[in-house]
Each structure stands twice: as structure tokens, then as C-alpha cells.
């Protein structure tokens, strides 16, 4: 299986996985992140969504093309339905800033945000 990375830490690249390497990596991530059964995890990242499912959580996919870094105010509409938001750090910070501004206005629906 070949998975293409997003280039979060460097240039995007293709990563070749066997069933064993993919299963072990996803299982380890699920065991260490602390997703809770029934929790709703908002992310567009395969390597987070599948571990959420492994843990018994629900994977909430944002609409295609909705980037939390580019349009954090639009992304906030999804947050009341989520228990956890998982995005790359720059996008998480944009969403956190927009959520903080909204919370300052009296709206307190904020999920746990993971980088």
C-alpha cells in the first residue's frame, strides 16, 4: 500500500507500507493518543481517522476542500459536533484562535484540540 503524505514537516512524499507496518503504526497511534469509545473525532487525516475508528470513536470527515487553516471561521461550524479536532499545528492554531474569539463572544462549544 502506498500512502502519500501531506508534506506537513517537509515536501510531500510516497510512503510504502506493508500490512504489518500500516497495522502496527495505526494500532500504536490509537493506543497512545487516548481516543475514547464513542468520541467524535474531526479530522481529514487518514492516519488519525483510522486509529479513531480502531479505538471505537467516530471519524467525522470535514467537507472536501474545507481547510481549517484557510477558513477557520467556516470550520468552527463543525466543532459543536466534535469532541476532538485533529489537524496539523498551523491549522489547529488558526482554528483555536477563531474559537477563542467566538468563545469571548459567549459561545462555549469547543472540543479538545490535538496537534
PDB file of N, CA and C in Angstrom:
ATOM      1  N   UNK A   1       0.850  -1.165   0.000  1.00  0.00           N
ATOM      2  CA  UNK A   1       0.000   0.000   0.000  1.00  0.00           C
ATOM      3  C   UNK A   1       0.898   1.230   0.000  1.00  0.00           C
ATOM      4  N   UNK A   2       0.610   2.174  -0.871  1.00  0.00           N
ATOM      5  CA  UNK A   2       1.362   3.418  -0.928  1.00  0.00           C
ATOM      6  C   UNK A   2       0.458   4.539  -0.427  1.00  0.00           C
ATOM      7  N   UNK A   3       0.932   5.273   0.576  1.00  0.00           N
ATOM      8  CA  UNK A   3       0.194   6.409   1.126  1.00  0.00           C
ATOM      9  C   UNK A   3       1.012   7.657   0.852  1.00  0.00           C
ATOM     10  N   UNK A   4       0.356   8.671   0.322  1.00  0.00           N
ATOM     11  CA  UNK A   4       1.029   9.928   0.041  1.00  0.00           C
ATOM     12  C   UNK A   4       0.848  10.868   1.221  1.00  0.00           C
ATOM     13  N   UNK A   5       1.968  11.405   1.717  1.00  0.00           N
ATOM     14  CA  UNK A   5       1.918  12.312   2.864  1.00  0.00           C
ATOM     15  C   UNK A   5       1.488  13.696   2.397  1.00  0.00           C
ATOM     16  N   UNK A   6       1.079  14.515   3.350  1.00  0.00           N
ATOM     17  CA  UNK A   6       0.649  15.878   3.026  1.00  0.00           C
ATOM     18  C   UNK A   6       1.819  16.844   2.965  1.00  0.00           C
ATOM     19  N   UNK A   7       2.969  16.435   3.445  1.00  0.00           N
ATOM     20  CA  UNK A   7       4.106  17.331   3.472  1.00  0.00           C
ATOM     21  C   UNK A   7       4.095  18.264   4.668  1.00  0.00           C
ATOM     22  N   UNK A   8       3.490  17.837   5.754  1.00  0.00           N
ATOM     23  CA  UNK A   8       3.376  18.668   6.949  1.00  0.00           C
ATOM     24  C   UNK A   8       4.735  19.127   7.460  1.00  0.00           C
ATOM     25  N   UNK A   9       5.701  18.220   7.499  1.00  0.00           N
ATOM     26  CA  UNK A   9       7.015  18.557   8.053  1.00  0.00           C
ATOM     27  C   UNK A   9       8.084  18.765   6.981  1.00  0.00           C
ATOM     28  N   UNK A  10       7.793  18.422   5.749  1.00  0.00           N
ATOM     29  CA  UNK A  10       8.735  18.592   4.643  1.00  0.00           C
ATOM     30  C   UNK A  10       7.926  18.503   3.349  1.00  0.00           C
ATOM     31  N   UNK A  11       8.596  18.150   2.263  1.00  0.00           N
ATOM     32  CA  UNK A  11       7.882  18.003   0.995  1.00  0.00           C
ATOM     33  C   UNK A  11       7.022  16.739   1.027  1.00  0.00           C
ATOM     34  N   UNK A  12       5.854  16.754   0.360  1.00  0.00           N
ATOM     35  CA  UNK A  12       5.036  15.536   0.291  1.00  0.00           C
ATOM     36  C   UNK A  12       5.840  14.394  -0.329  1.00  0.00           C
ATOM     37  N   UNK A  13       5.532  13.181   0.113  1.00  0.00           N
ATOM     38  CA  UNK A  13       6.249  12.022  -0.413  1.00  0.00           C
ATOM     39  C   UNK A  13       5.350  10.796  -0.355  1.00  0.00           C
ATOM     40  N   UNK A  14       5.750   9.769  -1.079  1.00  0.00           N
ATOM     41  CA  UNK A  14       5.040   8.497  -1.058  1.00  0.00           C
ATOM     42  C   UNK A  14       5.704   7.593  -0.021  1.00  0.00           C
ATOM     43  N   UNK A  15       4.884   6.968   0.819  1.00  0.00           N
ATOM     44  CA  UNK A  15       5.382   6.049   1.839  1.00  0.00           C
ATOM     45  C   UNK A  15       4.821   4.670   1.518  1.00  0.00           C
ATOM     46  N   UNK A  16       5.705   3.691   1.381  1.00  0.00           N
ATOM     47  CA  UNK A  16       5.279   2.328   1.071  1.00  0.00           C
ATOM     48  C   UNK A  16       5.103   1.561   2.372  1.00  0.00           C
ATOM     49  N   UNK A  17       3.908   1.001   2.561  1.00  0.00           N
ATOM     50  CA  UNK A  17       3.593   0.230   3.762  1.00  0.00           C
ATOM     51  C   UNK A  17       3.261  -1.209   3.398  1.00  0.00           C
ATOM     52  N   UNK A  18       3.608  -2.114   4.297  1.00  0.00           N
ATOM     53  CA  UNK A  18       3.094  -3.479   4.230  1.00  0.00           C
ATOM     54  C   UNK A  18       1.869  -3.522   5.136  1.00  0.00           C
ATOM     55  N   UNK A  19       1.157  -4.603   5.114  1.00  0.00           N
ATOM     56  CA  UNK A  19       0.016  -4.762   6.024  1.00  0.00           C
ATOM     57  C   UNK A  19       0.497  -4.638   7.476  1.00  0.00           C
ATOM     58  N   UNK A  20       1.661  -5.206   7.750  1.00  0.00           N
ATOM     59  CA  UNK A  20       2.209  -5.185   9.106  1.00  0.00           C
ATOM     60  C   UNK A  20       2.597  -3.771   9.552  1.00  0.00           C
ATOM     61  N   UNK A  21       3.335  -3.027   8.712  1.00  0.00           N
ATOM     62  CA  UNK A  21       3.771  -1.692   9.135  1.00  0.00           C
ATOM     63  C   UNK A  21       2.590  -0.744   9.291  1.00  0.00           C
ATOM     64  N   UNK A  22       1.631  -0.830   8.398  1.00  0.00           N
ATOM     65  CA  UNK A  22       0.460   0.038   8.497  1.00  0.00           C
ATOM     66  C   UNK A  22      -0.375  -0.316   9.726  1.00  0.00           C
ATOM     67  N   UNK A  23      -0.634  -1.609   9.917  1.00  0.00           N
ATOM     68  CA  UNK A  23      -1.435  -2.048  11.065  1.00  0.00           C
ATOM     69  C   UNK A  23      -0.784  -1.708  12.395  1.00  0.00           C
ATOM     70  N   UNK A  24       0.523  -1.914  12.476  1.00  0.00           N
ATOM     71  CA  UNK A  24       1.241  -1.609  13.714  1.00  0.00           C
ATOM     72  C   UNK A  24       1.231  -0.110  13.994  1.00  0.00           C
ATOM     73  N   UNK A  25       1.508   0.690  12.980  1.00  0.00           N
ATOM     74  CA  UNK A  25       1.524   2.142  13.153  1.00  0.00           C
ATOM     75  C   UNK A  25       0.170   2.689  13.570  1.00  0.00           C
ATOM     76  N   UNK A  26      -0.889   2.219  12.913  1.00  0.00           N
ATOM     77  CA  UNK A  26      -2.236   2.689  13.249  1.00  0.00           C
ATOM     78  C   UNK A  26      -2.649   2.227  14.643  1.00  0.00           C
ATOM     79  N   UNK A  27      -2.333   0.975  14.964  1.00  0.00           N
ATOM     80  CA  UNK A  27      -2.672   0.448  16.290  1.00  0.00           C
ATOM     81  C   UNK A  27      -1.929   1.167  17.404  1.00  0.00           C
ATOM     82  N   UNK A  28      -0.635   1.432  17.184  1.00  0.00           N
ATOM     83  CA  UNK A  28       0.155   2.165  18.185  1.00  0.00           C
ATOM     84  C   UNK A  28      -0.388   3.573  18.385  1.00  0.00           C
ATOM     85  N   UNK A  29      -0.734   4.236  17.293  1.00  0.00           N
ATOM     86  CA  UNK A  29      -1.283   5.588  17.389  1.00  0.00           C
ATOM     87  C   UNK A  29      -2.586   5.564  18.183  1.00  0.00           C
ATOM     88  N   UNK A  30      -3.458   4.620  17.860  1.00  0.00           N
ATOM     89  CA  UNK A  30      -4.746   4.511  18.565  1.00  0.00           C
ATOM     90  C   UNK A  30      -4.540   4.279  20.057  1.00  0.00           C
ATOM     91  N   UNK A  31      -3.560   3.450  20.398  1.00  0.00           N
ATOM     92  CA  UNK A  31      -3.319   3.119  21.804  1.00  0.00           C
ATOM     93  C   UNK A  31      -2.740   4.293  22.596  1.00  0.00           C
ATOM     94  N   UNK A  32      -1.988   5.157  21.939  1.00  0.00           N
ATOM     95  CA  UNK A  32      -1.285   6.218  22.663  1.00  0.00           C
ATOM     96  C   UNK A  32      -1.952   7.590  22.621  1.00  0.00           C
ATOM     97  N   UNK A  33      -2.854   7.820  21.693  1.00  0.00           N
ATOM     98  CA  UNK A  33      -3.488   9.135  21.594  1.00  0.00           C
ATOM     99  C   UNK A  33      -4.563   9.317  22.655  1.00  0.00           C
ATOM    100  N   UNK A  34      -5.234   8.253  22.996  1.00  0.00           N
ATOM    101  CA  UNK A  34      -6.248   8.363  24.038  1.00  0.00           C
ATOM    102  C   UNK A  34      -7.643   8.645  23.528  1.00  0.00           C
ATOM    103  N   UNK A  35      -7.948   8.253  22.291  1.00  0.00           N
ATOM    104  CA  UNK A  35      -9.324   8.370  21.822  1.00  0.00           C
ATOM    105  C   UNK A  35     -10.209   7.503  22.701  1.00  0.00           C
ATOM    106  N   UNK A  36     -11.418   7.946  22.927  1.00  0.00           N
ATOM    107  CA  UNK A  36     -12.360   7.249  23.795  1.00  0.00           C
ATOM    108  C   UNK A  36     -13.493   6.689  22.945  1.00  0.00           C
ATOM    109  N   UNK A  37     -13.931   5.489  23.269  1.00  0.00           N
ATOM    110  CA  UNK A  37     -15.038   4.876  22.538  1.00  0.00           C
ATOM    111  C   UNK A  37     -16.232   5.826  22.531  1.00  0.00           C
ATOM    112  N   UNK A  38     -16.796   6.039  21.350  1.00  0.00           N
ATOM    113  CA  UNK A  38     -17.949   6.916  21.199  1.00  0.00           C
ATOM    114  C   UNK A  38     -17.596   8.377  20.966  1.00  0.00           C
ATOM    115  N   UNK A  39     -16.335   8.744  21.182  1.00  0.00           N
ATOM    116  CA  UNK A  39     -15.886  10.121  20.978  1.00  0.00           C
ATOM    117  C   UNK A  39     -15.971  10.468  19.490  1.00  0.00           C
ATOM    118  N   UNK A  40     -16.240  11.727  19.168  1.00  0.00           N
ATOM    119  CA  UNK A  40     -16.340  12.179  17.777  1.00  0.00           C
ATOM    120  C   UNK A  40     -15.083  12.967  17.426  1.00  0.00           C
ATOM    121  N   UNK A  41     -14.305  12.420  16.473  1.00  0.00           N
ATOM    122  CA  UNK A  41     -13.003  12.972  16.102  1.00  0.00           C
ATOM    123  C   UNK A  41     -13.118  13.626  14.725  1.00  0.00           C
ATOM    124  N   UNK A  42     -12.903  14.941  14.678  1.00  0.00           N
ATOM    125  CA  UNK A  42     -12.970  15.702  13.431  1.00  0.00           C
ATOM    126  C   UNK A  42     -11.568  15.833  12.854  1.00  0.00           C
ATOM    127  N   UNK A  43     -11.329  15.214  11.705  1.00  0.00           N
ATOM    128  CA  UNK A  43     -10.030  15.304  11.030  1.00  0.00           C
ATOM    129  C   UNK A  43     -10.190  14.874   9.583  1.00  0.00           C
ATOM    130  N   UNK A  44      -9.310  15.406   8.729  1.00  0.00           N
ATOM    131  CA  UNK A  44      -9.265  14.955   7.339  1.00  0.00           C
ATOM    132  C   UNK A  44      -8.064  14.037   7.116  1.00  0.00           C
ATOM    133  N   UNK A  45      -7.404  13.631   8.186  1.00  0.00           N
ATOM    134  CA  UNK A  45      -6.172  12.858   8.093  1.00  0.00           C
ATOM    135  C   UNK A  45      -6.418  11.359   8.280  1.00  0.00           C
ATOM    136  N   UNK A  46      -6.085  10.591   7.255  1.00  0.00           N
ATOM    137  CA  UNK A  46      -6.248   9.137   7.265  1.00  0.00           C
ATOM    138  C   UNK A  46      -5.562   8.490   8.459  1.00  0.00           C
ATOM    139  N   UNK A  47      -4.335   8.941   8.749  1.00  0.00           N
ATOM    140  CA  UNK A  47      -3.548   8.311   9.807  1.00  0.00           C
ATOM    141  C   UNK A  47      -4.037   8.687  11.207  1.00  0.00           C
ATOM    142  N   UNK A  48      -5.079   9.501  11.300  1.00  0.00           N
ATOM    143  CA  UNK A  48      -5.740   9.820  12.566  1.00  0.00           C
ATOM    144  C   UNK A  48      -7.146   9.222  12.572  1.00  0.00           C
ATOM    145  N   UNK A  49      -7.833   9.317  11.449  1.00  0.00           N
ATOM    146  CA  UNK A  49      -9.203   8.815  11.355  1.00  0.00           C
ATOM    147  C   UNK A  49      -9.308   7.317  11.571  1.00  0.00           C
ATOM    148  N   UNK A  50      -8.404   6.560  10.974  1.00  0.00           N
ATOM    149  CA  UNK A  50      -8.455   5.100  11.144  1.00  0.00           C
ATOM    150  C   UNK A  50      -8.162   4.706  12.591  1.00  0.00           C
ATOM    151  N   UNK A  51      -7.135   5.278  13.252  1.00  0.00           N
ATOM    152  CA  UNK A  51      -6.951   4.967  14.674  1.00  0.00           C
ATOM    153  C   UNK A  51      -8.159   5.356  15.529  1.00  0.00           C
ATOM    154  N   UNK A  52      -8.839   6.429  15.168  1.00  0.00           N
ATOM    155  CA  UNK A  52     -10.054   6.795  15.899  1.00  0.00           C
ATOM    156  C   UNK A  52     -11.073   5.663  15.796  1.00  0.00           C
ATOM    157  N   UNK A  53     -11.241   5.133  14.592  1.00  0.00           N
ATOM    158  CA  UNK A  53     -12.177   4.019  14.396  1.00  0.00           C
ATOM    159  C   UNK A  53     -11.723   2.776  15.158  1.00  0.00           C
ATOM    160  N   UNK A  54     -10.414   2.493  15.138  1.00  0.00           N
ATOM    161  CA  UNK A  54      -9.875   1.340  15.866  1.00  0.00           C
ATOM    162  C   UNK A  54     -10.214   1.443  17.349  1.00  0.00           C
ATOM    163  N   UNK A  55     -10.213   2.666  17.872  1.00  0.00           N
ATOM    164  CA  UNK A  55     -10.498   2.904  19.296  1.00  0.00           C
ATOM    165  C   UNK A  55     -11.982   2.895  19.626  1.00  0.00           C
ATOM    166  N   UNK A  56     -12.829   2.783  18.603  1.00  0.00           N
ATOM    167  CA  UNK A  56     -14.271   2.808  18.837  1.00  0.00           C
ATOM    168  C   UNK A  56     -14.867   4.203  18.775  1.00  0.00           C
ATOM    169  N   UNK A  57     -14.050   5.184  18.363  1.00  0.00           N
ATOM    170  CA  UNK A  57     -14.544   6.550  18.204  1.00  0.00           C
ATOM    171  C   UNK A  57     -15.206   6.686  16.831  1.00  0.00           C
ATOM    172  N   UNK A  58     -15.838   7.812  16.609  1.00  0.00           N
ATOM    173  CA  UNK A  58     -16.468   8.118  15.324  1.00  0.00           C
ATOM    174  C   UNK A  58     -15.563   9.086  14.574  1.00  0.00           C
ATOM    175  N   UNK A  59     -15.325   8.819  13.298  1.00  0.00           N
ATOM    176  CA  UNK A  59     -14.486   9.682  12.472  1.00  0.00           C
ATOM    177  C   UNK A  59     -15.385  10.638  11.713  1.00  0.00           C
ATOM    178  N   UNK A  60     -15.285  11.919  12.016  1.00  0.00           N
ATOM    179  CA  UNK A  60     -16.035  12.961  11.317  1.00  0.00           C
ATOM    180  C   UNK A  60     -15.123  13.577  10.256  1.00  0.00           C
ATOM    181  N   UNK A  61     -15.466  13.373   8.989  1.00  0.00           N
ATOM    182  CA  UNK A  61     -14.696  13.974   7.901  1.00  0.00           C
ATOM    183  C   UNK A  61     -15.282  15.336   7.562  1.00  0.00           C
ATOM    184  N   UNK A  62     -14.455  16.375   7.497  1.00  0.00           N
ATOM    185  CA  UNK A  62     -14.978  17.673   7.068  1.00  0.00           C
ATOM    186  C   UNK A  62     -15.330  17.607   5.580  1.00  0.00           C
ATOM    187  N   UNK A  63     -16.166  18.510   5.100  1.00  0.00           N
ATOM    188  CA  UNK A  63     -16.472  18.524   3.668  1.00  0.00           C
ATOM    189  C   UNK A  63     -15.187  18.655   2.845  1.00  0.00           C
ATOM    190  N   UNK A  64     -15.156  18.007   1.703  1.00  0.00           N
ATOM    191  CA  UNK A  64     -13.979  18.051   0.833  1.00  0.00           C
ATOM    192  C   UNK A  64     -13.599  19.494   0.532  1.00  0.00           C
ATOM    193  N   UNK A  65     -12.320  19.780   0.663  1.00  0.00           N
ATOM    194  CA  UNK A  65     -11.808  21.100   0.338  1.00  0.00           C
ATOM    195  C   UNK A  65     -11.891  22.127   1.450  1.00  0.00           C
ATOM    196  N   UNK A  66     -12.536  21.791   2.563  1.00  0.00           N
ATOM    197  CA  UNK A  66     -12.634  22.749   3.670  1.00  0.00           C
ATOM    198  C   UNK A  66     -11.359  22.670   4.497  1.00  0.00           C
ATOM    199  N   UNK A  67     -10.545  23.697   4.436  1.00  0.00           N
ATOM    200  CA  UNK A  67      -9.246  23.745   5.094  1.00  0.00           C
ATOM    201  C   UNK A  67      -9.350  24.611   6.346  1.00  0.00           C
ATOM    202  N   UNK A  68      -9.094  24.032   7.536  1.00  0.00           N
ATOM    203  CA  UNK A  68      -9.219  24.824   8.758  1.00  0.00           C
ATOM    204  C   UNK A  68      -8.240  25.989   8.829  1.00  0.00           C
ATOM    205  N   UNK A  69      -7.111  25.889   8.150  1.00  0.00           N
ATOM    206  CA  UNK A  69      -6.151  26.988   8.152  1.00  0.00           C
ATOM    207  C   UNK A  69      -6.579  28.127   7.250  1.00  0.00           C
ATOM    208  N   UNK A  70      -7.196  27.791   6.114  1.00  0.00           N
ATOM    209  CA  UNK A  70      -7.598  28.813   5.150  1.00  0.00           C
ATOM    210  C   UNK A  70      -8.906  29.492   5.531  1.00  0.00           C
ATOM    211  N   UNK A  71      -9.805  28.753   6.152  1.00  0.00           N
ATOM    212  CA  UNK A  71     -11.111  29.330   6.509  1.00  0.00           C
ATOM    213  C   UNK A  71     -11.547  28.834   7.884  1.00  0.00           C
ATOM    214  N   UNK A  72     -10.805  29.229   8.941  1.00  0.00           N
ATOM    215  CA  UNK A  72     -11.128  28.724  10.283  1.00  0.00           C
ATOM    216  C   UNK A  72     -12.528  29.090  10.757  1.00  0.00           C
ATOM    217  N   UNK A  73     -13.051  30.232  10.343  1.00  0.00           N
ATOM    218  CA  UNK A  73     -14.398  30.620  10.777  1.00  0.00           C
ATOM    219  C   UNK A  73     -15.441  29.641  10.237  1.00  0.00           C
ATOM    220  N   UNK A  74     -15.285  29.181   8.996  1.00  0.00           N
ATOM    221  CA  UNK A  74     -16.214  28.188   8.428  1.00  0.00           C
ATOM    222  C   UNK A  74     -16.041  26.835   9.119  1.00  0.00           C
ATOM    223  N   UNK A  75     -14.817  26.534   9.502  1.00  0.00           N
ATOM    224  CA  UNK A  75     -14.530  25.257  10.159  1.00  0.00           C
ATOM    225  C   UNK A  75     -15.182  25.187  11.539  1.00  0.00           C
ATOM    226  N   UNK A  76     -15.353  26.350  12.170  1.00  0.00           N
ATOM    227  CA  UNK A  76     -15.958  26.389  13.507  1.00  0.00           C
ATOM    228  C   UNK A  76     -17.361  25.807  13.531  1.00  0.00           C
ATOM    229  N   UNK A  77     -18.079  25.899  12.423  1.00  0.00           N
ATOM    230  CA  UNK A  77     -19.434  25.351  12.372  1.00  0.00           C
ATOM    231  C   UNK A  77     -19.451  23.847  12.622  1.00  0.00           C
ATOM    232  N   UNK A  78     -18.325  23.169  12.364  1.00  0.00           N
ATOM    233  CA  UNK A  78     -18.237  21.721  12.566  1.00  0.00           C
ATOM    234  C   UNK A  78     -17.903  21.359  14.012  1.00  0.00           C
ATOM    235  N   UNK A  79     -17.338  22.295  14.757  1.00  0.00           N
ATOM    236  CA  UNK A  79     -16.828  21.987  16.093  1.00  0.00           C
ATOM    237  C   UNK A  79     -17.885  21.564  17.108  1.00  0.00           C
ATOM    238  N   UNK A  80     -19.091  22.139  17.112  1.00  0.00           N
ATOM    239  CA  UNK A  80     -20.062  21.698  18.120  1.00  0.00           C
ATOM    240  C   UNK A  80     -20.384  20.202  18.048  1.00  0.00           C
ATOM    241  N   UNK A  81     -20.211  19.585  16.875  1.00  0.00           N
ATOM    242  CA  UNK A  81     -20.474  18.160  16.744  1.00  0.00           C
ATOM    243  C   UNK A  81     -19.279  17.285  17.056  1.00  0.00           C
ATOM    244  N   UNK A  82     -18.125  17.899  17.364  1.00  0.00           N
ATOM    245  CA  UNK A  82     -16.885  17.150  17.584  1.00  0.00           C
ATOM    246  C   UNK A  82     -16.453  17.201  19.041  1.00  0.00           C
ATOM    247  N   UNK A  83     -15.846  16.107  19.486  1.00  0.00           N
ATOM    248  CA  UNK A  83     -15.211  16.069  20.804  1.00  0.00           C
ATOM    249  C   UNK A  83     -13.722  16.377  20.694  1.00  0.00           C
ATOM    250  N   UNK A  84     -13.137  16.041  19.530  1.00  0.00           N
ATOM    251  CA  UNK A  84     -11.703  16.225  19.295  1.00  0.00           C
ATOM    252  C   UNK A  84     -11.514  16.780  17.889  1.00  0.00           C
ATOM    253  N   UNK A  85     -10.658  17.779  17.755  1.00  0.00           N
ATOM    254  CA  UNK A  85     -10.222  18.269  16.450  1.00  0.00           C
ATOM    255  C   UNK A  85      -8.759  17.901  16.315  1.00  0.00           C
ATOM    256  N   UNK A  86      -8.401  17.249  15.226  1.00  0.00           N
ATOM    257  CA  UNK A  86      -7.004  16.892  14.994  1.00  0.00           C
ATOM    258  C   UNK A  86      -6.611  17.428  13.630  1.00  0.00           C
ATOM    259  N   UNK A  87      -5.658  18.366  13.609  1.00  0.00           N
ATOM    260  CA  UNK A  87      -5.160  18.961  12.373  1.00  0.00           C
ATOM    261  C   UNK A  87      -3.683  19.267  12.564  1.00  0.00           C
ATOM    262  N   UNK A  88      -2.996  19.566  11.467  1.00  0.00           N
ATOM    263  CA  UNK A  88      -1.587  19.931  11.584  1.00  0.00           C
ATOM    264  C   UNK A  88      -1.488  21.203  12.423  1.00  0.00           C
ATOM    265  N   UNK A  89      -0.355  21.434  13.105  1.00  0.00           N
ATOM    266  CA  UNK A  89      -0.259  22.539  14.070  1.00  0.00           C
ATOM    267  C   UNK A  89      -0.689  23.910  13.552  1.00  0.00           C
ATOM    268  N   UNK A  90      -0.258  24.303  12.366  1.00  0.00           N
ATOM    269  CA  UNK A  90      -0.631  25.619  11.849  1.00  0.00           C
ATOM    270  C   UNK A  90      -2.129  25.763  11.681  1.00  0.00           C
ATOM    271  N   UNK A  91      -2.771  24.706  11.224  1.00  0.00           N
ATOM    272  CA  UNK A  91      -4.222  24.743  11.036  1.00  0.00           C
ATOM    273  C   UNK A  91      -4.944  24.688  12.373  1.00  0.00           C
ATOM    274  N   UNK A  92      -4.401  23.931  13.313  1.00  0.00           N
ATOM    275  CA  UNK A  92      -5.001  23.885  14.654  1.00  0.00           C
ATOM    276  C   UNK A  92      -4.951  25.257  15.305  1.00  0.00           C
ATOM    277  N   UNK A  93      -3.814  25.950  15.153  1.00  0.00           N
ATOM    278  CA  UNK A  93      -3.678  27.280  15.756  1.00  0.00           C
ATOM    279  C   UNK A  93      -4.687  28.261  15.167  1.00  0.00           C
ATOM    280  N   UNK A  94      -4.891  28.215  13.844  1.00  0.00           N
ATOM    281  CA  UNK A  94      -5.874  29.101  13.212  1.00  0.00           C
ATOM    282  C   UNK A  94      -7.266  28.838  13.762  1.00  0.00           C
ATOM    283  N   UNK A  95      -7.600  27.563  13.907  1.00  0.00           N
ATOM    284  CA  UNK A  95      -8.919  27.201  14.413  1.00  0.00           C
ATOM    285  C   UNK A  95      -9.043  27.569  15.885  1.00  0.00           C
ATOM    286  N   UNK A  96      -7.983  27.357  16.670  1.00  0.00           N
ATOM    287  CA  UNK A  96      -8.009  27.739  18.089  1.00  0.00           C
ATOM    288  C   UNK A  96      -8.216  29.243  18.244  1.00  0.00           C
ATOM    289  N   UNK A  97      -7.551  30.034  17.426  1.00  0.00           N
ATOM    290  CA  UNK A  97      -7.701  31.488  17.506  1.00  0.00           C
ATOM    291  C   UNK A  97      -9.125  31.906  17.179  1.00  0.00           C
ATOM    292  N   UNK A  98      -9.691  31.315  16.128  1.00  0.00           N
ATOM    293  CA  UNK A  98     -11.070  31.640  15.759  1.00  0.00           C
ATOM    294  C   UNK A  98     -12.033  31.185  16.848  1.00  0.00           C
ATOM    295  N   UNK A  99     -11.766  30.011  17.445  1.00  0.00           N
ATOM    296  CA  UNK A  99     -12.630  29.505  18.521  1.00  0.00           C
ATOM    297  C   UNK A  99     -12.528  30.390  19.756  1.00  0.00           C
ATOM    298  N   UNK A 100     -11.323  30.867  20.069  1.00  0.00           N
ATOM    299  CA  UNK A 100     -11.151  31.743  21.231  1.00  0.00           C
ATOM    300  C   UNK A 100     -11.920  33.040  21.040  1.00  0.00           C
ATOM    301  N   UNK A 101     -11.882  33.579  19.833  1.00  0.00           N
ATOM    302  CA  UNK A 101     -12.620  34.812  19.555  1.00  0.00           C
ATOM    303  C   UNK A 101     -14.116  34.575  19.697  1.00  0.00           C
ATOM    304  N   UNK A 102     -14.578  33.420  19.217  1.00  0.00           N
ATOM    305  CA  UNK A 102     -16.001  33.104  19.317  1.00  0.00           C
ATOM    306  C   UNK A 102     -16.394  32.862  20.772  1.00  0.00           C
ATOM    307  N   UNK A 103     -15.520  32.200  21.542  1.00  0.00           N
ATOM    308  CA  UNK A 103     -15.792  31.945  22.958  1.00  0.00           C
ATOM    309  C   UNK A 103     -15.867  33.261  23.730  1.00  0.00           C
ATOM    310  N   UNK A 104     -15.021  34.212  23.357  1.00  0.00           N
ATOM    311  CA  UNK A 104     -15.045  35.522  24.016  1.00  0.00           C
ATOM    312  C   UNK A 104     -16.388  36.213  23.807  1.00  0.00           C
ATOM    313  N   UNK A 105     -17.082  35.839  22.724  1.00  0.00           N
ATOM    314  CA  UNK A 105     -18.404  36.400  22.450  1.00  0.00           C
ATOM    315  C   UNK A 105     -19.512  35.624  23.147  1.00  0.00           C
ATOM    316  N   UNK A 106     -19.149  34.626  23.957  1.00  0.00           N
ATOM    317  CA  UNK A 106     -20.145  33.898  24.740  1.00  0.00           C
ATOM    318  C   UNK A 106     -20.517  32.527  24.222  1.00  0.00           C
ATOM    319  N   UNK A 107     -19.965  32.074  23.103  1.00  0.00           N
ATOM    320  CA  UNK A 107     -20.261  30.744  22.573  1.00  0.00           C
ATOM    321  C   UNK A 107     -19.180  29.798  23.081  1.00  0.00           C
ATOM    322  N   UNK A 108     -19.540  28.810  23.931  1.00  0.00           N
ATOM    323  CA  UNK A 108     -18.534  27.988  24.609  1.00  0.00           C
ATOM    324  C   UNK A 108     -18.407  26.566  24.078  1.00  0.00           C
ATOM    325  N   UNK A 109     -18.826  26.272  22.868  1.00  0.00           N
ATOM    326  CA  UNK A 109     -18.744  24.914  22.353  1.00  0.00           C
ATOM    327  C   UNK A 109     -17.376  24.688  21.709  1.00  0.00           C
ATOM    328  N   UNK A 110     -16.420  24.145  22.493  1.00  0.00           N
ATOM    329  CA  UNK A 110     -15.066  23.913  21.996  1.00  0.00           C
ATOM    330  C   UNK A 110     -14.640  22.482  22.280  1.00  0.00           C
ATOM    331  N   UNK A 111     -14.159  21.766  21.260  1.00  0.00           N
ATOM    332  CA  UNK A 111     -13.643  20.417  21.506  1.00  0.00           C
ATOM    333  C   UNK A 111     -12.203  20.461  21.996  1.00  0.00           C
ATOM    334  N   UNK A 112     -11.725  19.298  22.424  1.00  0.00           N
ATOM    335  CA  UNK A 112     -10.293  19.120  22.709  1.00  0.00           C
ATOM    336  C   UNK A 112      -9.580  19.206  21.369  1.00  0.00           C
ATOM    337  N   UNK A 113      -8.491  19.962  21.281  1.00  0.00           N
ATOM    338  CA  UNK A 113      -7.784  20.156  20.016  1.00  0.00           C
ATOM    339  C   UNK A 113      -6.409  19.529  20.122  1.00  0.00           C
ATOM    340  N   UNK A 114      -6.121  18.584  19.201  1.00  0.00           N
ATOM    341  CA  UNK A 114      -4.827  17.912  19.186  1.00  0.00           C
ATOM    342  C   UNK A 114      -4.005  18.330  17.995  1.00  0.00           C
ATOM    343  N   UNK A 115      -2.712  18.591  18.171  1.00  0.00           N
ATOM    344  CA  UNK A 115      -1.854  18.990  17.054  1.00  0.00           C
ATOM    345  C   UNK A 115      -1.555  17.823  16.141  1.00  0.00           C
TER     346      UNK A 115
END
